PDB file of N, CA and C in Angstrom:
ATOM      1  N   MET A   1     -18.679   6.225  25.324  1.00  0.00           N
ATOM      2  CA  MET A   1     -18.887   4.362  24.870  1.00  0.00           C
ATOM      3  C   MET A   1     -18.885   4.568  23.050  1.00  0.00           C
ATOM      4  N   ASN A   2     -17.998   4.136  22.813  1.00  0.00           N
ATOM      5  CA  ASN A   2     -17.370   3.659  21.445  1.00  0.00           C
ATOM      6  C   ASN A   2     -18.479   2.716  20.689  1.00  0.00           C
ATOM      7  N   THR A   3     -19.243   3.263  19.870  1.00  0.00           N
ATOM      8  CA  THR A   3     -20.183   2.252  18.910  1.00  0.00           C
ATOM      9  C   THR A   3     -20.069   1.929  17.514  1.00  0.00           C
ATOM     10  N   HIS A   4     -18.534   2.232  17.298  1.00  0.00           N
ATOM     11  CA  HIS A   4     -17.711   1.956  16.045  1.00  0.00           C
ATOM     12  C   HIS A   4     -16.973   0.188  16.748  1.00  0.00           C
ATOM     13  N   ALA A   5     -17.907  -0.662  15.677  1.00  0.00           N
ATOM     14  CA  ALA A   5     -17.293  -1.815  15.675  1.00  0.00           C
ATOM     15  C   ALA A   5     -15.340  -1.710  15.281  1.00  0.00           C
ATOM     16  N   PRO A   6     -14.480  -2.353  15.662  1.00  0.00           N
ATOM     17  CA  PRO A   6     -13.503  -2.646  14.929  1.00  0.00           C
ATOM     18  C   PRO A   6     -13.442  -3.372  14.222  1.00  0.00           C
ATOM     19  N   LYS A   7     -12.849  -3.065  13.226  1.00  0.00           N
ATOM     20  CA  LYS A   7     -12.310  -3.281  11.701  1.00  0.00           C
ATOM     21  C   LYS A   7     -11.931  -4.804  11.611  1.00  0.00           C
ATOM     22  N   ASP A   8     -12.324  -5.707  10.795  1.00  0.00           N
ATOM     23  CA  ASP A   8     -11.671  -7.076  10.500  1.00  0.00           C
ATOM     24  C   ASP A   8     -10.408  -7.164  10.155  1.00  0.00           C
ATOM     25  N   LYS A   9      -9.695  -7.452  10.572  1.00  0.00           N
ATOM     26  CA  LYS A   9      -7.836  -8.103  10.249  1.00  0.00           C
ATOM     27  C   LYS A   9      -8.176  -8.591   8.710  1.00  0.00           C
ATOM     28  N   ILE A  10      -7.108  -7.994   8.076  1.00  0.00           N
ATOM     29  CA  ILE A  10      -7.136  -8.920   6.632  1.00  0.00           C
ATOM     30  C   ILE A  10      -5.709 -10.143   6.617  1.00  0.00           C
ATOM     31  N   ILE A  11      -6.280 -10.843   6.475  1.00  0.00           N
ATOM     32  CA  ILE A  11      -5.604 -12.170   6.951  1.00  0.00           C
ATOM     33  C   ILE A  11      -4.622 -11.966   4.709  1.00  0.00           C
ATOM     34  N   VAL A  12      -3.715 -12.385   4.903  1.00  0.00           N
ATOM     35  CA  VAL A  12      -3.030 -12.575   3.249  1.00  0.00           C
ATOM     36  C   VAL A  12      -2.045 -13.713   3.859  1.00  0.00           C
ATOM     37  N   HIS A  13      -2.241 -14.629   2.639  1.00  0.00           N
ATOM     38  CA  HIS A  13      -1.687 -15.991   3.220  1.00  0.00           C
ATOM     39  C   HIS A  13      -0.320 -16.163   2.268  1.00  0.00           C
ATOM     40  N   VAL A  14       0.588 -16.201   2.817  1.00  0.00           N
ATOM     41  CA  VAL A  14       2.053 -15.589   2.249  1.00  0.00           C
ATOM     42  C   VAL A  14       2.763 -17.281   1.976  1.00  0.00           C
ATOM     43  N   ASP A  15       3.519 -17.751   0.863  1.00  0.00           N
ATOM     44  CA  ASP A  15       4.062 -18.846   0.825  1.00  0.00           C
ATOM     45  C   ASP A  15       5.442 -18.930   1.893  1.00  0.00           C
ATOM     46  N   SER A  16       5.488 -19.946   2.691  1.00  0.00           N
ATOM     47  CA  SER A  16       6.700 -20.093   3.959  1.00  0.00           C
ATOM     48  C   SER A  16       7.766 -19.701   3.496  1.00  0.00           C
ATOM     49  N   ASP A  17       8.073 -19.571   2.180  1.00  0.00           N
ATOM     50  CA  ASP A  17       9.705 -19.115   1.797  1.00  0.00           C
ATOM     51  C   ASP A  17       9.680 -17.834   1.629  1.00  0.00           C
ATOM     52  N   LEU A  18       8.750 -17.074   1.835  1.00  0.00           N
ATOM     53  CA  LEU A  18       8.974 -15.397   1.735  1.00  0.00           C
ATOM     54  C   LEU A  18       9.186 -14.707   2.914  1.00  0.00           C
ATOM     55  N   GLU A  19       8.995 -15.976   3.963  1.00  0.00           N
ATOM     56  CA  GLU A  19       8.635 -15.257   5.823  1.00  0.00           C
ATOM     57  C   GLU A  19      10.203 -14.842   5.910  1.00  0.00           C
ATOM     58  N   ASP A  20      11.213 -14.787   5.748  1.00  0.00           N
ATOM     59  CA  ASP A  20      12.053 -13.758   6.017  1.00  0.00           C
ATOM     60  C   ASP A  20      12.270 -12.618   5.018  1.00  0.00           C
ATOM     61  N   LEU A  21      11.557 -12.242   4.225  1.00  0.00           N
ATOM     62  CA  LEU A  21      11.164 -11.013   3.447  1.00  0.00           C
ATOM     63  C   LEU A  21      10.330 -10.330   3.598  1.00  0.00           C
ATOM     64  N   ILE A  22       9.136 -10.886   3.882  1.00  0.00           N
ATOM     65  CA  ILE A  22       7.780 -10.269   4.536  1.00  0.00           C
ATOM     66  C   ILE A  22       8.048  -8.798   5.005  1.00  0.00           C
ATOM     67  N   PRO A  23       8.742  -9.349   6.365  1.00  0.00           N
ATOM     68  CA  PRO A  23       8.457  -7.756   7.488  1.00  0.00           C
ATOM     69  C   PRO A  23       9.353  -6.630   6.682  1.00  0.00           C
ATOM     70  N   ASP A  24      10.887  -6.950   6.006  1.00  0.00           N
ATOM     71  CA  ASP A  24      10.898  -5.938   5.367  1.00  0.00           C
ATOM     72  C   ASP A  24      10.562  -5.396   4.265  1.00  0.00           C
ATOM     73  N   PHE A  25       9.744  -6.125   3.662  1.00  0.00           N
ATOM     74  CA  PHE A  25       8.890  -5.768   2.345  1.00  0.00           C
ATOM     75  C   PHE A  25       7.865  -4.445   3.012  1.00  0.00           C
ATOM     76  N   LEU A  26       7.018  -5.304   4.106  1.00  0.00           N
ATOM     77  CA  LEU A  26       5.635  -4.661   4.532  1.00  0.00           C
ATOM     78  C   LEU A  26       6.137  -3.358   5.023  1.00  0.00           C
ATOM     79  N   THR A  27       7.554  -2.906   5.876  1.00  0.00           N
ATOM     80  CA  THR A  27       7.988  -1.984   5.963  1.00  0.00           C
ATOM     81  C   THR A  27       8.630  -0.966   5.634  1.00  0.00           C
ATOM     82  N   LYS A  28       9.030  -1.359   4.121  1.00  0.00           N
ATOM     83  CA  LYS A  28       9.598  -0.602   3.561  1.00  0.00           C
ATOM     84  C   LYS A  28       8.208  -0.049   2.203  1.00  0.00           C
ATOM     85  N   ARG A  29       7.094  -0.724   2.155  1.00  0.00           N
ATOM     86  CA  ARG A  29       5.933  -0.277   1.702  1.00  0.00           C
ATOM     87  C   ARG A  29       5.183   0.787   2.709  1.00  0.00           C
ATOM     88  N   GLN A  30       5.158   0.279   4.236  1.00  0.00           N
ATOM     89  CA  GLN A  30       4.692   1.533   5.289  1.00  0.00           C
ATOM     90  C   GLN A  30       5.464   2.738   4.847  1.00  0.00           C
ATOM     91  N   LYS A  31       6.808   2.803   5.116  1.00  0.00           N
ATOM     92  CA  LYS A  31       7.334   3.895   4.586  1.00  0.00           C
ATOM     93  C   LYS A  31       7.368   4.792   3.576  1.00  0.00           C
ATOM     94  N   GLU A  32       6.874   4.054   2.598  1.00  0.00           N
ATOM     95  CA  GLU A  32       6.199   4.892   1.593  1.00  0.00           C
ATOM     96  C   GLU A  32       4.970   5.690   1.667  1.00  0.00           C
ATOM     97  N   ILE A  33       4.122   5.407   2.520  1.00  0.00           N
ATOM     98  CA  ILE A  33       3.236   6.216   2.905  1.00  0.00           C
ATOM     99  C   ILE A  33       3.549   7.511   2.741  1.00  0.00           C
ATOM    100  N   ASP A  34       4.415   7.781   3.981  1.00  0.00           N
ATOM    101  CA  ASP A  34       5.246   9.378   3.948  1.00  0.00           C
ATOM    102  C   ASP A  34       5.759   9.844   3.248  1.00  0.00           C
ATOM    103  N   ILE A  35       6.234   9.144   2.148  1.00  0.00           N
ATOM    104  CA  ILE A  35       7.170   9.423   1.097  1.00  0.00           C
ATOM    105  C   ILE A  35       5.978  10.019  -0.071  1.00  0.00           C
ATOM    106  N   ILE A  36       5.090   9.129  -0.304  1.00  0.00           N
ATOM    107  CA  ILE A  36       3.529   9.765  -1.234  1.00  0.00           C
ATOM    108  C   ILE A  36       3.344  11.077  -0.734  1.00  0.00           C
ATOM    109  N   GLN A  37       3.262  10.930   0.504  1.00  0.00           N
ATOM    110  CA  GLN A  37       2.439  12.608   0.941  1.00  0.00           C
ATOM    111  C   GLN A  37       3.759  13.546   1.089  1.00  0.00           C
ATOM    112  N   GLN A  38       4.695  13.353   1.236  1.00  0.00           N
ATOM    113  CA  GLN A  38       5.712  14.260   0.639  1.00  0.00           C
ATOM    114  C   GLN A  38       5.537  14.813  -0.837  1.00  0.00           C
ATOM    115  N   ALA A  39       5.626  13.554  -1.397  1.00  0.00           N
ATOM    116  CA  ALA A  39       6.044  14.145  -3.041  1.00  0.00           C
ATOM    117  C   ALA A  39       4.694  14.897  -3.323  1.00  0.00           C
ATOM    118  N   LEU A  40       3.212  14.414  -2.810  1.00  0.00           N
ATOM    119  CA  LEU A  40       2.338  15.157  -2.685  1.00  0.00           C
ATOM    120  C   LEU A  40       2.379  16.543  -2.628  1.00  0.00           C
ATOM    121  N   ARG A  41       2.953  16.766  -1.298  1.00  0.00           N
ATOM    122  CA  ARG A  41       3.092  18.017  -0.711  1.00  0.00           C
ATOM    123  C   ARG A  41       3.903  18.785  -1.813  1.00  0.00           C
ATOM    124  N   GLN A  42       4.842  18.567  -2.711  1.00  0.00           N
ATOM    125  CA  GLN A  42       5.381  19.445  -3.424  1.00  0.00           C
ATOM    126  C   GLN A  42       4.816  18.948  -5.073  1.00  0.00           C
ATOM    127  N   SER A  43       3.771  18.564  -5.301  1.00  0.00           N
ATOM    128  CA  SER A  43       3.710  18.139  -6.348  1.00  0.00           C
ATOM    129  C   SER A  43       4.751  17.169  -7.204  1.00  0.00           C
ATOM    130  N   ASP A  44       5.369  16.450  -6.948  1.00  0.00           N
ATOM    131  CA  ASP A  44       6.257  15.104  -7.313  1.00  0.00           C
ATOM    132  C   ASP A  44       5.356  14.253  -7.748  1.00  0.00           C
ATOM    133  N   PHE A  45       4.968  14.637  -8.937  1.00  0.00           N
ATOM    134  CA  PHE A  45       4.027  13.038  -9.448  1.00  0.00           C
ATOM    135  C   PHE A  45       4.646  11.612  -9.929  1.00  0.00           C
ATOM    136  N   ASN A  46       6.269  12.545 -10.406  1.00  0.00           N
ATOM    137  CA  ASN A  46       7.061  11.337 -10.699  1.00  0.00           C
ATOM    138  C   ASN A  46       7.816   9.895  -9.625  1.00  0.00           C
ATOM    139  N   THR A  47       8.130  11.011  -8.227  1.00  0.00           N
ATOM    140  CA  THR A  47       7.970   9.856  -7.530  1.00  0.00           C
ATOM    141  C   THR A  47       6.885   9.019  -6.873  1.00  0.00           C
ATOM    142  N   ILE A  48       5.831   9.532  -6.961  1.00  0.00           N
ATOM    143  CA  ILE A  48       4.479   9.176  -6.760  1.00  0.00           C
ATOM    144  C   ILE A  48       4.343   7.672  -7.630  1.00  0.00           C
ATOM    145  N   TYR A  49       4.915   8.166  -9.160  1.00  0.00           N
ATOM    146  CA  TYR A  49       4.567   6.925  -9.992  1.00  0.00           C
ATOM    147  C   TYR A  49       5.299   5.966 -10.139  1.00  0.00           C
ATOM    148  N   VAL A  50       6.587   6.346  -9.567  1.00  0.00           N
ATOM    149  CA  VAL A  50       7.271   4.870  -9.433  1.00  0.00           C
ATOM    150  C   VAL A  50       7.209   4.445  -7.862  1.00  0.00           C
ATOM    151  N   LEU A  51       6.650   4.495  -7.127  1.00  0.00           N
ATOM    152  CA  LEU A  51       6.280   4.219  -5.774  1.00  0.00           C
ATOM    153  C   LEU A  51       4.757   3.558  -6.133  1.00  0.00           C
ATOM    154  N   GLY A  52       4.391   3.919  -6.729  1.00  0.00           N
ATOM    155  CA  GLY A  52       2.756   3.218  -7.465  1.00  0.00           C
ATOM    156  C   GLY A  52       2.929   2.192  -8.334  1.00  0.00           C
ATOM    157  N   HIS A  53       4.118   2.343  -9.072  1.00  0.00           N
ATOM    158  CA  HIS A  53       4.165   1.402  -9.975  1.00  0.00           C
ATOM    159  C   HIS A  53       4.951  -0.072  -9.370  1.00  0.00           C
ATOM    160  N   GLY A  54       5.864   0.505  -8.542  1.00  0.00           N
ATOM    161  CA  GLY A  54       6.959  -0.467  -7.284  1.00  0.00           C
ATOM    162  C   GLY A  54       5.524  -1.068  -6.953  1.00  0.00           C
ATOM    163  N   MET A  55       4.743  -0.771  -6.321  1.00  0.00           N
ATOM    164  CA  MET A  55       3.932  -1.365  -5.489  1.00  0.00           C
ATOM    165  C   MET A  55       2.869  -2.338  -6.504  1.00  0.00           C
ATOM    166  N   LYS A  56       2.817  -2.118  -7.356  1.00  0.00           N
ATOM    167  CA  LYS A  56       1.684  -2.519  -8.435  1.00  0.00           C
ATOM    168  C   LYS A  56       2.541  -3.617  -8.918  1.00  0.00           C
ATOM    169  N   GLY A  57       3.867  -4.044  -9.145  1.00  0.00           N
ATOM    170  CA  GLY A  57       4.496  -5.120  -9.559  1.00  0.00           C
ATOM    171  C   GLY A  57       5.082  -5.697  -8.498  1.00  0.00           C
ATOM    172  N   SER A  58       5.340  -5.702  -7.302  1.00  0.00           N
ATOM    173  CA  SER A  58       5.564  -6.416  -5.946  1.00  0.00           C
ATOM    174  C   SER A  58       4.602  -7.441  -5.308  1.00  0.00           C
ATOM    175  N   GLY A  59       3.345  -6.262  -5.200  1.00  0.00           N
ATOM    176  CA  GLY A  59       2.393  -6.221  -4.120  1.00  0.00           C
ATOM    177  C   GLY A  59       2.110  -7.837  -4.628  1.00  0.00           C
ATOM    178  N   GLY A  60       1.511  -8.197  -5.399  1.00  0.00           N
ATOM    179  CA  GLY A  60       1.182  -9.443  -6.087  1.00  0.00           C
ATOM    180  C   GLY A  60       2.189 -10.633  -5.750  1.00  0.00           C
ATOM    181  N   ALA A  61       3.428 -10.237  -6.049  1.00  0.00           N
ATOM    182  CA  ALA A  61       4.392 -11.281  -5.926  1.00  0.00           C
ATOM    183  C   ALA A  61       4.721 -11.694  -4.998  1.00  0.00           C
ATOM    184  N   TYR A  62       4.276 -11.301  -3.952  1.00  0.00           N
ATOM    185  CA  TYR A  62       4.626 -11.196  -2.566  1.00  0.00           C
ATOM    186  C   TYR A  62       3.192 -11.829  -1.773  1.00  0.00           C
ATOM    187  N   GLY A  63       1.783 -11.601  -2.609  1.00  0.00           N
ATOM    188  CA  GLY A  63       0.741 -12.105  -2.283  1.00  0.00           C
ATOM    189  C   GLY A  63      -0.009 -11.188  -1.600  1.00  0.00           C
ATOM    190  N   PHE A  64      -0.025  -9.969  -1.851  1.00  0.00           N
ATOM    191  CA  PHE A  64      -0.573  -8.743  -1.189  1.00  0.00           C
ATOM    192  C   PHE A  64      -0.930  -8.225  -2.406  1.00  0.00           C
ATOM    193  N   ASP A  65      -1.838  -8.958  -2.996  1.00  0.00           N
ATOM    194  CA  ASP A  65      -3.037  -8.438  -4.041  1.00  0.00           C
ATOM    195  C   ASP A  65      -3.549  -6.935  -4.158  1.00  0.00           C
ATOM    196  N   ARG A  66      -4.173  -6.834  -2.779  1.00  0.00           N
ATOM    197  CA  ARG A  66      -4.565  -5.238  -2.512  1.00  0.00           C
ATOM    198  C   ARG A  66      -3.660  -4.433  -2.576  1.00  0.00           C
ATOM    199  N   LEU A  67      -2.317  -4.525  -2.178  1.00  0.00           N
ATOM    200  CA  LEU A  67      -1.439  -3.697  -2.257  1.00  0.00           C
ATOM    201  C   LEU A  67      -0.977  -3.542  -3.948  1.00  0.00           C
ATOM    202  N   THR A  68      -0.796  -4.313  -4.583  1.00  0.00           N
ATOM    203  CA  THR A  68      -1.179  -4.280  -6.612  1.00  0.00           C
ATOM    204  C   THR A  68      -2.007  -3.159  -6.771  1.00  0.00           C
ATOM    205  N   GLU A  69      -3.491  -3.114  -6.281  1.00  0.00           N
ATOM    206  CA  GLU A  69      -4.620  -2.659  -6.660  1.00  0.00           C
ATOM    207  C   GLU A  69      -4.100  -1.018  -6.610  1.00  0.00           C
ATOM    208  N   ILE A  70      -4.119  -1.298  -5.330  1.00  0.00           N
ATOM    209  CA  ILE A  70      -3.517   0.282  -5.082  1.00  0.00           C
ATOM    210  C   ILE A  70      -2.678   0.999  -5.422  1.00  0.00           C
ATOM    211  N   GLY A  71      -1.399   0.403  -5.687  1.00  0.00           N
ATOM    212  CA  GLY A  71      -0.206   0.811  -6.329  1.00  0.00           C
ATOM    213  C   GLY A  71      -0.474   1.296  -8.076  1.00  0.00           C
ATOM    214  N   ALA A  72      -1.762   0.181  -8.543  1.00  0.00           N
ATOM    215  CA  ALA A  72      -2.035   0.582  -9.585  1.00  0.00           C
ATOM    216  C   ALA A  72      -3.063   1.930  -9.809  1.00  0.00           C
ATOM    217  N   VAL A  73      -3.964   2.539  -9.006  1.00  0.00           N
ATOM    218  CA  VAL A  73      -4.250   3.353  -9.147  1.00  0.00           C
ATOM    219  C   VAL A  73      -3.304   4.670  -8.375  1.00  0.00           C
ATOM    220  N   LEU A  74      -2.529   4.544  -8.108  1.00  0.00           N
ATOM    221  CA  LEU A  74      -1.411   5.398  -7.357  1.00  0.00           C
ATOM    222  C   LEU A  74      -0.804   5.644  -8.608  1.00  0.00           C
ATOM    223  N   GLU A  75      -0.564   5.050  -9.593  1.00  0.00           N
ATOM    224  CA  GLU A  75       0.499   4.807 -10.821  1.00  0.00           C
ATOM    225  C   GLU A  75      -0.501   5.410 -12.052  1.00  0.00           C
ATOM    226  N   LYS A  76      -1.616   5.386 -12.210  1.00  0.00           N
ATOM    227  CA  LYS A  76      -2.614   6.039 -12.614  1.00  0.00           C
ATOM    228  C   LYS A  76      -2.805   7.249 -12.597  1.00  0.00           C
ATOM    229  N   SER A  77      -2.966   7.860 -10.808  1.00  0.00           N
ATOM    230  CA  SER A  77      -3.770   8.961 -10.917  1.00  0.00           C
ATOM    231  C   SER A  77      -1.762   9.841 -11.023  1.00  0.00           C
ATOM    232  N   ALA A  78      -0.580   9.420 -10.762  1.00  0.00           N
ATOM    233  CA  ALA A  78       0.355   9.790 -11.008  1.00  0.00           C
ATOM    234  C   ALA A  78       0.285  10.386 -12.468  1.00  0.00           C
ATOM    235  N   LYS A  79       0.059   9.933 -13.377  1.00  0.00           N
ATOM    236  CA  LYS A  79       0.052  10.008 -14.808  1.00  0.00           C
ATOM    237  C   LYS A  79      -0.864  11.299 -15.222  1.00  0.00           C
ATOM    238  N   GLU A  80      -2.199  11.089 -14.408  1.00  0.00           N
ATOM    239  CA  GLU A  80      -3.423  12.097 -14.090  1.00  0.00           C
ATOM    240  C   GLU A  80      -3.027  13.044 -13.905  1.00  0.00           C
ATOM    241  N   GLN A  81      -2.256  13.020 -12.846  1.00  0.00           N
ATOM    242  CA  GLN A  81      -1.806  14.385 -11.862  1.00  0.00           C
ATOM    243  C   GLN A  81      -3.671  14.440 -11.131  1.00  0.00           C
ATOM    244  N   ASN A  82      -4.122  13.575 -10.558  1.00  0.00           N
ATOM    245  CA  ASN A  82      -5.159  13.178  -9.805  1.00  0.00           C
ATOM    246  C   ASN A  82      -5.343  13.209  -8.324  1.00  0.00           C
ATOM    247  N   ILE A  83      -5.430  14.431  -7.956  1.00  0.00           N
ATOM    248  CA  ILE A  83      -5.476  14.841  -6.309  1.00  0.00           C
ATOM    249  C   ILE A  83      -5.949  13.837  -5.632  1.00  0.00           C
ATOM    250  N   PHE A  84      -7.543  13.908  -6.215  1.00  0.00           N
ATOM    251  CA  PHE A  84      -8.455  12.984  -5.265  1.00  0.00           C
ATOM    252  C   PHE A  84      -7.663  11.563  -4.940  1.00  0.00           C
ATOM    253  N   PHE A  85      -7.387  11.311  -6.380  1.00  0.00           N
ATOM    254  CA  PHE A  85      -7.056   9.631  -5.823  1.00  0.00           C
ATOM    255  C   PHE A  85      -5.880   9.185  -4.795  1.00  0.00           C
ATOM    256  N   PHE A  86      -5.043  10.090  -5.107  1.00  0.00           N
ATOM    257  CA  PHE A  86      -3.940  10.042  -4.058  1.00  0.00           C
ATOM    258  C   PHE A  86      -4.283  10.234  -2.435  1.00  0.00           C
ATOM    259  N   PHE A  87      -5.354  10.983  -2.170  1.00  0.00           N
ATOM    260  CA  PHE A  87      -5.596  11.148  -0.884  1.00  0.00           C
ATOM    261  C   PHE A  87      -6.381   9.562  -0.491  1.00  0.00           C
ATOM    262  N   PHE A  88      -7.205   9.314  -1.498  1.00  0.00           N
ATOM    263  CA  PHE A  88      -8.132   7.949  -1.758  1.00  0.00           C
ATOM    264  C   PHE A  88      -7.147   6.876  -1.379  1.00  0.00           C
ATOM    265  N   CYS A  89      -5.656   7.022  -1.844  1.00  0.00           N
ATOM    266  CA  CYS A  89      -4.886   5.849  -1.903  1.00  0.00           C
ATOM    267  C   CYS A  89      -4.271   5.891  -0.183  1.00  0.00           C
ATOM    268  N   ILE A  90      -4.190   6.845  -0.208  1.00  0.00           N
ATOM    269  CA  ILE A  90      -3.403   7.246   1.151  1.00  0.00           C
ATOM    270  C   ILE A  90      -3.796   6.783   2.214  1.00  0.00           C
ATOM    271  N   GLU A  91      -5.223   6.917   2.203  1.00  0.00           N
ATOM    272  CA  GLU A  91      -6.508   6.420   3.444  1.00  0.00           C
ATOM    273  C   GLU A  91      -6.704   4.854   3.062  1.00  0.00           C
ATOM    274  N   LYS A  92      -6.673   4.305   1.790  1.00  0.00           N
ATOM    275  CA  LYS A  92      -6.606   2.773   1.812  1.00  0.00           C
ATOM    276  C   LYS A  92      -5.270   2.257   2.498  1.00  0.00           C
ATOM    277  N   LEU A  93      -4.203   2.570   1.434  1.00  0.00           N
ATOM    278  CA  LEU A  93      -2.650   2.074   2.140  1.00  0.00           C
ATOM    279  C   LEU A  93      -2.702   2.260   4.036  1.00  0.00           C
ATOM    280  N   SER A  94      -3.247   3.199   4.650  1.00  0.00           N
ATOM    281  CA  SER A  94      -3.225   3.263   5.904  1.00  0.00           C
ATOM    282  C   SER A  94      -3.529   2.350   6.682  1.00  0.00           C
ATOM    283  N   ASP A  95      -5.257   2.086   6.297  1.00  0.00           N
ATOM    284  CA  ASP A  95      -6.133   1.064   6.508  1.00  0.00           C
ATOM    285  C   ASP A  95      -5.476  -0.235   6.572  1.00  0.00           C
ATOM    286  N   TYR A  96      -5.275  -0.262   5.269  1.00  0.00           N
ATOM    287  CA  TYR A  96      -4.970  -1.989   4.640  1.00  0.00           C
ATOM    288  C   TYR A  96      -3.967  -2.434   5.720  1.00  0.00           C
ATOM    289  N   PHE A  97      -2.751  -1.402   5.469  1.00  0.00           N
ATOM    290  CA  PHE A  97      -1.628  -1.512   6.860  1.00  0.00           C
ATOM    291  C   PHE A  97      -1.797  -2.089   8.278  1.00  0.00           C
ATOM    292  N   SER A  98      -3.061  -1.197   8.805  1.00  0.00           N
ATOM    293  CA  SER A  98      -3.680  -1.493  10.074  1.00  0.00           C
ATOM    294  C   SER A  98      -4.263  -2.645  10.041  1.00  0.00           C
ATOM    295  N   ARG A  99      -4.644  -3.235   9.592  1.00  0.00           N
ATOM    296  CA  ARG A  99      -5.477  -4.456   9.990  1.00  0.00           C
ATOM    297  C   ARG A  99      -4.740  -5.921   9.106  1.00  0.00           C
ATOM    298  N   ILE A 100      -3.414  -5.476   8.209  1.00  0.00           N
ATOM    299  CA  ILE A 100      -3.181  -7.038   7.769  1.00  0.00           C
ATOM    300  C   ILE A 100      -2.486  -7.868   8.982  1.00  0.00           C
ATOM    301  N   GLU A 101      -2.842  -8.779   8.767  1.00  0.00           N
ATOM    302  CA  GLU A 101      -1.947 -10.059   9.351  1.00  0.00           C
ATOM    303  C   GLU A 101      -1.505 -11.054   8.331  1.00  0.00           C
ATOM    304  N   VAL A 102      -0.424 -11.319   8.042  1.00  0.00           N
ATOM    305  CA  VAL A 102       0.209 -12.331   7.591  1.00  0.00           C
ATOM    306  C   VAL A 102       0.279 -13.940   7.998  1.00  0.00           C
ATOM    307  N   LYS A 103      -0.188 -14.611   7.328  1.00  0.00           N
ATOM    308  CA  LYS A 103      -0.119 -16.423   7.757  1.00  0.00           C
ATOM    309  C   LYS A 103       0.550 -16.876   6.941  1.00  0.00           C
ATOM    310  N   TYR A 104       1.842 -17.578   7.093  1.00  0.00           N
ATOM    311  CA  TYR A 104       2.609 -18.286   6.245  1.00  0.00           C
ATOM    312  C   TYR A 104       2.199 -19.694   6.123  1.00  0.00           C
ATOM    313  N   CYS A 105       1.883 -19.976   4.786  1.00  0.00           N
ATOM    314  CA  CYS A 105       1.715 -21.548   4.268  1.00  0.00           C
ATOM    315  C   CYS A 105       2.867 -22.263   3.703  1.00  0.00           C
TER     316      CYS A 105
END
């Protein structure tokens, strides 16, 4: 018997004018998790910095404020080469994408 309650969905309200762009935007961000993991294995902090910076800049523009927050931590972690926060960010990104539900308004 599973005693763990399922985590709640994260509802993100997005402007309906962006509806055609959102699926591709989210797919690209999800793929970046694998790229970040590969970059981490190679100690490629520049790639992680660039991806974190991109998430930080684009997340809020599309209505995904949590993505902006995680991107900012990734960017800062890459600058400081802080391995702990990379794993934290990867876990948070994976959790975020597993729970996100977009509502267009």
